[in-house]
């Protein structure tokens, strides 16, 4: 039986053909992704490439990198034209980067960081985790590092002093796996990713328990270099992303990502993240 993902992937492949024929002479538009967020989901990557190619009328080269630092470096040196990144690295380079759009999830362009432990762990709050092992996703992740690090700073602590050992998994799903599999006692994870996993891999999330949720913060945005925002291809990318909810292929991408749409965004959306950066002296 043809599954929803099979149908989407077939549609994405077919839809790529027309824009490729129209834009054979144009260089591919290079769009960067990090597995910190998508965890190499082949169906999502295929559908995203197809929807962008169809809407932009241009070949799309999806570039995958392991870390946010690598994505930011590629944006700044021009190796990629646009990227789906996190609010933390966006603000770290706010003078050089501009927003193309921000995903809307459950009606808002916001999400939370979750602090998780194993389902049978007695911890009730961050302070209960002193001396344990902890999983972060990426040192430049808001939900996967900054939130917990800034909460510890309010306590007069650092991750290095507070935890006996901290690891970086470079994937939010991997944070959940680390805690569920007892590799670490606790973890800092993107609440949106945990909630999606709770829908698609409930046996995994059932082995974890949320003990703290952050305030609502700006959702990981799509960005490009500020000095390239006037380029037709970059403008077309922003329009394509923000129009996903109005096209069949775009709606398929949103469905796979459990998102409502992609909206225009103002940097003020990320003031909460900036405040947490300031706690660490990086704002």
Protein backbone atom coordinates (compact mmCIF):
# COMPACT_ATOMS: atom_id res chain seq x y z
CA UNK A 1 0.00 0.00 0.00
CA UNK A 2 1.28 3.46 -0.89
CA UNK A 3 2.07 5.38 2.29
CA UNK A 4 1.73 9.13 2.80
CA UNK A 5 5.53 9.56 2.71
CA UNK A 6 5.85 7.45 -0.46
CA UNK A 7 3.25 9.61 -2.19
CA UNK A 8 4.91 12.82 -1.09
CA UNK A 9 8.33 11.68 -2.25
CA UNK A 10 6.95 10.61 -5.65
CA UNK A 11 5.20 13.94 -6.03
CA UNK A 12 8.31 15.88 -5.06
CA UNK A 13 10.41 14.01 -7.62
CA UNK A 14 7.91 14.62 -10.42
CA UNK A 15 7.57 18.28 -9.55
CA UNK A 16 11.29 18.86 -9.77
CA UNK A 17 11.28 18.14 -13.51
CA UNK A 18 9.45 21.26 -14.70
CA UNK A 19 11.47 23.88 -12.83
CA UNK A 20 14.71 22.11 -13.76
CA UNK A 21 13.84 22.43 -17.46
CA UNK A 22 13.14 26.15 -17.02
CA UNK A 23 16.31 26.85 -15.09
CA UNK A 24 18.97 24.60 -16.56
CA UNK A 25 21.31 27.54 -17.07
CA UNK A 26 20.95 28.84 -13.53
CA UNK A 27 23.32 27.74 -10.79
CA UNK A 28 21.62 25.68 -8.08
CA UNK A 29 20.35 27.60 -5.08
CA UNK A 30 22.27 26.23 -2.09
CA UNK A 31 20.07 25.76 0.96
CA UNK A 32 21.70 24.49 4.15
CA UNK A 33 20.25 22.16 6.77
CA UNK A 34 21.69 20.74 9.96
CA UNK A 35 20.94 17.28 11.38
CA UNK A 36 20.67 18.94 14.79
CA UNK A 37 17.13 19.72 13.68
CA UNK A 38 16.08 17.31 10.92
CA UNK A 39 18.18 14.29 11.86
CA UNK A 40 18.64 13.35 8.18
CA UNK A 41 14.98 12.51 7.53
CA UNK A 42 15.09 11.48 3.86
CA UNK A 43 11.39 12.05 3.23
CA UNK A 44 11.49 15.59 4.63
CA UNK A 45 14.65 16.46 2.71
CA UNK A 46 13.23 15.17 -0.59
CA UNK A 47 9.92 16.96 -0.14
CA UNK A 48 11.60 20.21 0.89
CA UNK A 49 13.88 20.17 -2.14
CA UNK A 50 10.94 19.53 -4.46
CA UNK A 51 8.73 22.23 -2.96
CA UNK A 52 11.48 24.88 -3.08
CA UNK A 53 12.47 23.95 -6.64
CA UNK A 54 8.87 24.13 -7.85
CA UNK A 55 8.15 27.46 -6.15
CA UNK A 56 11.45 29.11 -7.11
CA UNK A 57 11.72 27.64 -10.63
CA UNK A 58 15.32 26.77 -9.90
CA UNK A 59 17.39 23.73 -9.05
CA UNK A 60 17.94 23.36 -5.29
CA UNK A 61 21.11 21.96 -3.77
CA UNK A 62 20.35 20.96 -0.17
CA UNK A 63 23.59 21.15 1.79
CA UNK A 64 23.81 19.25 5.08
CA UNK A 65 26.28 20.05 7.81
CA UNK A 66 26.80 18.49 11.24
CA UNK A 67 26.83 21.62 13.42
CA UNK A 68 25.33 25.09 13.61
CA UNK A 69 28.86 26.51 13.54
CA UNK A 70 29.47 24.89 10.15
CA UNK A 71 26.15 26.21 8.82
CA UNK A 72 26.90 29.74 10.01
CA UNK A 73 30.37 29.62 8.50
CA UNK A 74 28.97 28.49 5.15
CA UNK A 75 26.44 31.32 5.17
CA UNK A 76 29.03 33.95 5.99
CA UNK A 77 31.61 32.79 3.43
CA UNK A 78 28.98 32.43 0.69
CA UNK A 79 29.21 28.64 0.38
CA UNK A 80 25.42 28.50 0.82
CA UNK A 81 22.72 30.99 -0.09
CA UNK A 82 20.26 30.42 2.76
CA UNK A 83 19.82 28.14 5.74
CA UNK A 84 17.45 26.79 8.35
CA UNK A 85 19.25 27.51 11.58
CA UNK A 86 18.54 28.44 15.21
CA UNK A 87 17.75 31.72 16.93
CA UNK A 88 20.99 31.54 18.93
CA UNK A 89 23.45 31.58 15.98
CA UNK A 90 21.18 34.07 14.19
CA UNK A 91 21.60 36.47 17.08
CA UNK A 92 25.30 35.73 17.41
CA UNK A 93 25.63 37.10 13.86
CA UNK A 94 22.69 39.48 13.76
CA UNK A 95 24.77 42.18 12.03
CA UNK A 96 25.49 39.84 9.10
CA UNK A 97 22.26 37.81 8.83
CA UNK A 98 18.61 38.58 8.06
CA UNK A 99 15.40 36.58 8.40
CA UNK A 100 13.65 34.88 5.47
CA UNK A 101 10.83 33.53 7.62
CA UNK A 102 10.03 31.61 10.76
CA UNK A 103 7.99 28.40 11.12
CA UNK A 104 4.61 28.54 12.82
CA UNK A 105 3.91 25.63 15.15
CA UNK A 106 0.60 25.13 16.95
CA UNK A 107 -0.48 28.59 15.84
CA UNK A 108 2.62 30.53 16.96
CA UNK A 109 6.20 31.09 15.74
CA UNK A 110 7.37 29.92 19.15
CA UNK A 111 8.67 26.84 20.91
CA UNK A 112 10.21 25.79 24.23
CA UNK A 113 13.25 23.99 25.54
CA UNK A 114 12.54 20.87 27.59
CA UNK A 115 14.70 19.47 30.36
CA UNK A 116 14.22 15.71 30.38
CA UNK A 117 15.20 12.74 32.53
CA UNK A 118 14.44 9.02 32.43
CA UNK A 119 10.84 8.12 33.17
CA UNK A 120 11.69 6.66 36.59
CA UNK A 121 14.19 9.34 37.65
CA UNK A 122 13.11 11.13 40.87
CA UNK A 123 14.43 14.56 39.81
CA UNK A 124 11.86 17.36 39.85
CA UNK A 125 13.97 20.37 38.80
CA UNK A 126 17.35 21.36 37.38
CA UNK A 127 18.95 21.68 40.82
CA UNK A 128 18.24 17.98 41.44
CA UNK A 129 20.57 17.01 38.60
CA UNK A 130 23.82 18.20 40.22
CA UNK A 131 26.65 15.73 39.68
CA UNK A 132 24.84 13.77 36.98
CA UNK A 133 25.61 13.33 33.29
CA UNK A 134 23.83 15.52 30.73
CA UNK A 135 23.20 15.55 26.97
CA UNK A 136 23.19 18.80 25.00
CA UNK A 137 22.46 18.90 21.27
CA UNK A 138 24.87 21.60 20.05
CA UNK A 139 26.83 24.41 21.74
CA UNK A 140 25.10 26.93 19.45
CA UNK A 141 21.58 25.58 20.05
CA UNK A 142 19.14 27.69 22.04
CA UNK A 143 16.92 24.85 23.26
CA UNK A 144 19.73 22.29 23.28
CA UNK A 145 22.26 24.34 25.25
CA UNK A 146 21.64 28.05 25.89
CA UNK A 147 18.47 27.66 27.98
CA UNK A 148 20.03 25.21 30.42
CA UNK A 149 23.37 27.03 30.50
CA UNK A 150 21.68 30.35 31.29
CA UNK A 151 19.50 28.71 33.95
CA UNK A 152 22.68 27.35 35.54
CA UNK A 153 24.29 30.81 35.33
CA UNK A 154 21.38 32.18 37.38
CA UNK A 155 22.35 29.57 39.98
CA UNK A 156 25.98 30.69 39.86
CA UNK A 157 26.97 27.51 38.04
CA UNK A 158 28.34 26.40 34.69
CA UNK A 159 27.63 23.10 32.88
CA UNK A 160 31.27 22.07 33.46
CA UNK A 161 31.02 22.51 37.23
CA UNK A 162 27.42 21.41 37.73
CA UNK A 163 27.38 18.18 35.74
CA UNK A 164 29.88 15.37 36.20
CA UNK A 165 30.02 15.05 32.41
CA UNK A 166 28.24 16.73 29.51
CA UNK A 167 28.13 15.47 25.92
CA UNK A 168 26.97 16.97 22.61
CA UNK A 169 24.84 14.63 20.51
CA UNK A 170 24.40 16.92 17.44
CA UNK A 171 20.76 15.93 17.08
CA UNK A 172 17.74 16.54 19.30
CA UNK A 173 16.46 13.02 18.67
CA UNK A 174 19.86 11.83 19.88
CA UNK A 175 19.40 13.77 23.13
CA UNK A 176 16.17 11.86 23.72
CA UNK A 177 17.89 8.60 22.84
CA UNK A 178 20.76 9.35 25.25
CA UNK A 179 18.37 9.89 28.15
CA UNK A 180 16.00 7.05 27.23
CA UNK A 181 18.94 4.66 26.88
CA UNK A 182 20.57 5.76 30.17
CA UNK A 183 23.67 7.08 28.41
CA UNK A 184 23.07 10.29 30.37
CA UNK A 185 20.85 11.10 33.32
CA UNK A 186 19.33 14.22 31.75
CA UNK A 187 19.16 16.20 28.54
CA UNK A 188 18.28 19.58 27.02
CA UNK A 189 16.03 19.17 24.00
CA UNK A 190 13.93 21.16 21.55
CA UNK A 191 10.35 20.88 22.83
CA UNK A 192 8.94 20.87 19.30
CA UNK A 193 11.19 17.93 18.36
CA UNK A 194 10.23 16.06 21.54
CA UNK A 195 6.53 16.60 20.82
CA UNK A 196 6.89 15.41 17.21
CA UNK A 197 8.82 12.36 18.40
CA UNK A 198 6.04 11.77 20.91
CA UNK A 199 3.70 11.43 17.94
CA UNK A 200 5.93 9.32 15.68
CA UNK A 201 8.10 7.41 18.19
CA UNK A 202 6.02 7.26 21.38
CA UNK A 203 7.93 4.23 22.66
CA UNK A 204 11.07 6.39 22.73
CA UNK A 205 9.64 9.45 24.46
CA UNK A 206 7.76 7.22 26.93
CA UNK A 207 11.13 6.34 28.42
CA UNK A 208 11.72 10.01 29.25
CA UNK A 209 9.98 12.57 31.45
CA UNK A 210 9.86 16.36 31.16
CA UNK A 211 10.81 18.09 34.41
CA UNK A 212 11.07 21.68 33.15
CA UNK A 213 9.85 23.77 30.23
CA UNK A 214 11.33 27.13 29.28
CA UNK A 215 9.35 30.22 28.39
CA UNK A 216 8.18 30.38 24.76
CA UNK A 217 11.00 31.55 22.50
CA UNK A 218 11.43 32.36 18.82
CA UNK A 219 11.25 29.24 16.63
CA UNK A 220 14.42 28.27 14.66
CA UNK A 221 14.33 30.61 11.63
CA UNK A 222 15.29 30.58 7.97
CA UNK A 223 18.07 33.10 7.28
CA UNK A 224 20.35 34.52 4.60
CA UNK A 225 23.23 36.96 4.60
CA UNK A 226 22.02 40.52 5.09
CA UNK A 227 23.95 41.91 2.10
CA UNK A 228 22.27 39.38 -0.21
CA UNK A 229 18.65 40.04 0.72
CA UNK A 230 18.14 42.10 -2.45
CA UNK A 231 19.19 39.28 -4.76
CA UNK A 232 16.27 37.84 -6.79
CA UNK A 233 17.02 34.23 -5.82
CA UNK A 234 17.15 35.03 -2.10
CA UNK A 235 13.90 37.01 -2.35
CA UNK A 236 12.34 34.10 -4.26
CA UNK A 237 13.41 31.72 -1.49
CA UNK A 238 11.71 33.86 1.15
CA UNK A 239 8.54 34.05 -0.95
CA UNK A 240 8.59 30.29 -1.56
CA UNK A 241 8.97 29.47 2.12
CA UNK A 242 6.26 31.87 3.20
CA UNK A 243 3.96 30.49 0.49
CA UNK A 244 4.26 26.82 1.47
CA UNK A 245 0.79 26.81 3.01
CA UNK A 246 -0.68 27.86 -0.35
CA UNK A 247 0.78 25.09 -2.54
CA UNK A 248 0.19 21.35 -2.55
CA UNK A 249 3.90 20.54 -2.32
CA UNK A 250 4.49 23.13 0.37
CA UNK A 251 1.59 21.77 2.39
CA UNK A 252 3.13 18.30 2.11
CA UNK A 253 6.39 19.61 3.60
CA UNK A 254 4.54 21.34 6.42
CA UNK A 255 2.58 18.16 7.10
CA UNK A 256 5.77 16.11 7.35
CA UNK A 257 7.24 18.69 9.73
CA UNK A 258 4.03 19.06 11.78
CA UNK A 259 4.10 22.82 11.10
CA UNK A 260 1.23 25.22 10.30
CA UNK A 261 3.19 27.46 7.95
CA UNK A 262 6.13 29.82 7.61
CA UNK A 263 5.56 33.48 8.44
CA UNK A 264 7.49 36.73 8.01
CA UNK A 265 9.50 37.48 11.14
CA UNK A 266 10.96 40.45 12.95
CA UNK A 267 14.17 40.16 15.02
CA UNK A 268 12.12 41.20 18.08
CA UNK A 269 10.74 37.65 18.08
CA UNK A 270 14.11 36.56 19.45
CA UNK A 271 14.37 39.01 22.35
CA UNK A 272 13.91 36.17 24.84
CA UNK A 273 16.91 34.35 23.40
CA UNK A 274 18.92 37.58 23.44
CA UNK A 275 18.12 37.98 27.13
CA UNK A 276 19.46 34.50 27.84
CA UNK A 277 22.58 35.24 25.80
CA UNK A 278 23.16 38.32 27.93
CA UNK A 279 23.12 36.15 31.06
CA UNK A 280 26.10 34.26 29.62
CA UNK A 281 27.79 37.45 28.51
CA UNK A 282 27.18 36.80 24.84
CA UNK A 283 24.33 39.22 24.17
